[in-house]
Amino acid sequence: MQALKERILRDGKCFEGGILKVDNFINHQMDPVLMKSMAVEFVRRFAGSDINKVLTIESSGIAPAIMVGYLLELPVVFAKKKRPSTMENMLSTKVFSFTKNHTYDVCVCRDYLHRGDKVLFIDDFLANGNAAKGIIDLVRQSGAELSGMGFLIEKAFQHGGDELRAMGIRVESLAIIDGLEDCQIRLRE
C-alpha cells in the first residue's frame, strides 16, 4: 500500500535491534485518515472471504481492527494481555512479546469467540509471529475458523510471515520491511 510505505519512509524511525517505531501515526498518535485507508485496503483484499468476526490483540491492533469491523459491519473482539478478574469462561494462551521482552497470558471470553465463527485477525505488526501464533491457538481452542490475518507492517527479516504462510494461513501485509540494517528502512516493492 503506497500511502503507508511513503509514511513509513517519511515518519518511521529505526532503532538498533530491528525496531521500527511508527508511534507518531499508527500506535500512539494515530492518523485516522491513513487508518481508514488501510482498513479499506484490507476489506478489498479479503473481499469474498467468509468472515463474521474481526479479532485483534491489545492494544495497537485495536484501531485498525475497529476500522475494518466498521467497514465490514462486523463485531470486533480483542484478546487481552492481562487476565481480568471479572472474565469468566475464558480461553487463554501464552505469548512472548519481542518488543517488550515479556510473556503475556493472552485471553478472550468464550462468549465472544466460539465454534462457527469465521475470524479475520488484524494487527499492527508481524515480526516473529508470536502474537499471531497465540491468536491461532485461541481460535483453535474456541472451535472457530481462521479466515486470514492482516498486518499493517510485516518485518519479513524476522520470518514470522514465512512461518504463518508455511502453515497454510492467508497473510496479507500492507507494507513489508525487508531490512533495517544500519537503521535504513528497506521496503519491499
Protein backbone atom coordinates (compact mmCIF):
# COMPACT_ATOMS: atom_id res chain seq x y z
CA MET A 1 0.00 0.00 0.00
CA GLN A 2 1.79 3.05 -1.29
CA ALA A 3 0.44 5.63 1.19
CA LEU A 4 1.59 3.52 4.14
CA LYS A 5 5.01 2.87 2.59
CA GLU A 6 5.52 6.59 1.98
CA ARG A 7 4.51 7.39 5.56
CA ILE A 8 6.90 4.77 6.97
CA LEU A 9 9.77 6.24 4.97
CA ARG A 10 8.86 9.81 5.93
CA ASP A 11 7.91 9.42 9.61
CA GLY A 12 9.13 6.00 10.74
CA LYS A 13 12.16 5.79 12.99
CA CYS A 14 14.60 2.92 13.06
CA PHE A 15 16.46 1.73 16.14
CA GLU A 16 19.15 -0.90 16.67
CA GLY A 17 17.92 -4.47 17.05
CA GLY A 18 15.40 -4.38 14.20
CA ILE A 19 12.98 -1.95 15.82
CA LEU A 20 10.80 0.27 13.64
CA LYS A 21 8.97 2.99 15.53
CA VAL A 22 5.75 4.27 13.94
CA ASP A 23 4.16 5.65 17.07
CA ASN A 24 3.53 9.07 15.54
CA PHE A 25 0.92 7.72 13.10
CA ILE A 26 -0.05 4.12 13.99
CA ASN A 27 0.32 3.03 17.58
CA HIS A 28 0.47 6.02 19.92
CA GLN A 29 -0.71 9.02 17.98
CA MET A 30 -2.91 7.76 15.15
CA ASP A 31 -3.68 9.16 11.73
CA PRO A 32 -7.38 8.28 11.29
CA VAL A 33 -7.38 9.05 7.57
CA LEU A 34 -4.48 6.65 6.98
CA MET A 35 -6.11 4.13 9.34
CA LYS A 36 -9.31 4.26 7.28
CA SER A 37 -7.35 3.85 4.03
CA MET A 38 -5.58 0.80 5.43
CA ALA A 39 -8.91 -0.69 6.54
CA VAL A 40 -10.36 -0.11 3.08
CA GLU A 41 -7.38 -1.99 1.62
CA PHE A 42 -7.91 -4.93 3.99
CA VAL A 43 -11.61 -5.04 3.05
CA ARG A 44 -10.59 -5.09 -0.62
CA ARG A 45 -8.01 -7.83 -0.09
CA PHE A 46 -10.32 -10.05 1.94
CA ALA A 47 -13.40 -9.45 -0.22
CA GLY A 48 -15.15 -12.73 -0.85
CA SER A 49 -13.69 -14.34 2.28
CA ASP A 50 -16.13 -15.89 4.71
CA ILE A 51 -15.80 -13.65 7.78
CA ASN A 52 -18.23 -12.93 10.59
CA LYS A 53 -15.85 -11.57 13.25
CA VAL A 54 -12.72 -9.43 13.42
CA LEU A 55 -10.19 -10.35 16.10
CA THR A 56 -7.13 -8.47 17.32
CA ILE A 57 -4.85 -8.29 20.32
CA GLU A 58 -4.45 -5.28 22.58
CA SER A 59 -3.51 -2.64 22.23
CA SER A 60 -2.04 -1.46 18.93
CA GLY A 61 -4.23 -3.73 16.83
CA ILE A 62 -7.46 -2.28 18.17
CA ALA A 63 -7.64 0.85 15.99
CA PRO A 64 -7.14 -0.89 12.63
CA ALA A 65 -9.40 -3.77 13.68
CA ILE A 66 -12.18 -1.35 14.66
CA MET A 67 -11.92 0.36 11.29
CA VAL A 68 -12.09 -2.99 9.45
CA GLY A 69 -15.00 -4.12 11.63
CA TYR A 70 -16.81 -0.85 10.99
CA LEU A 71 -16.43 -1.13 7.22
CA LEU A 72 -17.49 -4.80 7.22
CA GLU A 73 -20.21 -4.12 9.81
CA LEU A 74 -18.89 -6.97 11.95
CA PRO A 75 -18.17 -7.26 15.68
CA VAL A 76 -14.58 -6.76 16.79
CA VAL A 77 -13.09 -8.76 19.67
CA PHE A 78 -9.71 -8.00 21.20
CA ALA A 79 -7.68 -10.53 23.12
CA LYS A 80 -6.49 -9.09 26.42
CA LYS A 81 -2.89 -9.27 27.62
CA LYS A 82 -3.92 -9.44 31.24
CA ARG A 83 -6.43 -11.80 32.83
CA PRO A 84 -9.34 -9.68 34.05
CA SER A 85 -10.72 -10.78 37.41
CA THR A 86 -14.25 -10.43 36.03
CA MET A 87 -13.80 -12.60 32.94
CA GLU A 88 -15.47 -15.97 33.14
CA ASN A 89 -15.44 -18.80 30.64
CA MET A 90 -12.07 -17.75 29.22
CA LEU A 91 -9.71 -19.13 26.65
CA SER A 92 -6.05 -18.34 27.24
CA THR A 93 -2.61 -18.87 25.81
CA LYS A 94 0.88 -17.52 26.39
CA VAL A 95 2.51 -15.03 24.01
CA PHE A 96 6.08 -13.75 24.17
CA SER A 97 6.48 -10.10 23.12
CA PHE A 98 9.73 -9.43 21.25
CA THR A 99 9.33 -5.67 21.73
CA LYS A 100 8.63 -5.78 25.46
CA ASN A 101 10.73 -8.91 26.21
CA HIS A 102 7.85 -10.24 28.30
CA THR A 103 5.49 -13.23 28.20
CA TYR A 104 1.79 -12.42 28.46
CA ASP A 105 -1.23 -14.55 29.32
CA VAL A 106 -3.47 -13.60 26.42
CA CYS A 107 -7.15 -14.34 26.88
CA VAL A 108 -10.56 -13.94 25.33
CA CYS A 109 -14.00 -14.83 26.62
CA ARG A 110 -15.56 -17.91 25.01
CA ASP A 111 -18.80 -15.92 24.75
CA TYR A 112 -17.21 -13.78 22.02
CA LEU A 113 -15.18 -16.39 20.14
CA HIS A 114 -16.81 -19.74 19.51
CA ARG A 115 -17.42 -22.63 17.16
CA GLY A 116 -18.82 -21.45 13.84
CA ASP A 117 -17.06 -18.09 13.86
CA LYS A 118 -15.04 -17.22 10.74
CA VAL A 119 -12.32 -14.95 12.04
CA LEU A 120 -10.19 -12.27 10.40
CA PHE A 121 -7.23 -11.30 12.59
CA ILE A 122 -5.90 -7.74 12.21
CA ASP A 123 -2.79 -6.36 13.91
CA ASP A 124 -0.25 -3.58 13.51
CA PHE A 125 2.97 -5.60 13.20
CA LEU A 126 4.04 -9.08 12.15
CA ALA A 127 7.62 -9.82 13.21
CA ASN A 128 8.43 -13.20 14.74
CA GLY A 129 4.74 -14.14 14.64
CA ASN A 130 4.35 -14.84 18.36
CA ALA A 131 1.12 -12.85 18.79
CA ALA A 132 -0.29 -14.39 15.61
CA LYS A 133 0.52 -17.91 16.83
CA GLY A 134 -1.16 -17.12 20.15
CA ILE A 135 -4.26 -15.98 18.27
CA ILE A 136 -4.18 -19.16 16.17
CA ASP A 137 -4.17 -21.14 19.43
CA LEU A 138 -7.13 -19.17 20.83
CA VAL A 139 -9.09 -19.64 17.59
CA ARG A 140 -8.30 -23.37 17.65
CA GLN A 141 -9.39 -23.68 21.30
CA SER A 142 -12.67 -21.95 20.53
CA GLY A 143 -13.50 -24.18 17.58
CA ALA A 144 -13.69 -21.14 15.30
CA GLU A 145 -12.02 -20.98 11.90
CA LEU A 146 -9.29 -18.53 10.89
CA SER A 147 -10.17 -16.93 7.54
CA GLY A 148 -6.98 -14.89 7.33
CA MET A 149 -4.58 -12.50 9.00
CA GLY A 150 -3.94 -8.89 8.04
CA PHE A 151 -0.99 -6.81 9.23
CA LEU A 152 -0.22 -3.17 8.66
CA ILE A 153 3.54 -3.81 8.65
CA GLU A 154 5.43 -7.08 8.27
CA LYS A 155 9.11 -7.32 9.18
CA ALA A 156 9.99 -10.07 6.71
CA PHE A 157 13.53 -10.42 8.05
CA GLN A 158 12.11 -11.82 11.32
CA HIS A 159 10.34 -14.63 9.38
CA GLY A 160 7.00 -14.76 11.24
CA GLY A 161 5.18 -14.30 7.95
CA ASP A 162 7.13 -17.17 6.37
CA GLU A 163 6.11 -19.47 9.22
CA LEU A 164 2.44 -18.49 9.06
CA ARG A 165 2.31 -18.93 5.28
CA ALA A 166 4.03 -22.33 5.62
CA MET A 167 1.19 -23.28 7.99
CA GLY A 168 -1.26 -22.56 5.15
CA ILE A 169 -2.57 -19.33 6.65
CA ARG A 170 -3.56 -16.49 4.36
CA VAL A 171 -1.43 -13.49 5.36
CA GLU A 172 -1.91 -10.02 3.88
CA SER A 173 0.58 -7.30 4.85
CA LEU A 174 0.13 -3.72 3.65
CA ALA A 175 3.84 -2.88 3.88
CA ILE A 176 6.70 -5.35 4.07
CA ILE A 177 10.05 -4.35 5.53
CA ASP A 178 12.89 -6.47 4.10
CA GLY A 179 15.54 -4.98 6.35
CA LEU A 180 16.52 -2.35 8.87
CA GLU A 181 20.30 -2.78 8.68
CA ASP A 182 22.29 0.31 9.71
CA CYS A 183 18.91 1.88 10.62
CA GLN A 184 17.97 2.15 6.94
CA ILE A 185 14.37 1.16 6.21
CA ARG A 186 14.36 -1.21 3.24
CA LEU A 187 10.80 -1.66 1.95
CA ARG A 188 9.67 -4.36 -0.47
CA GLU A 189 8.22 -3.05 -3.71
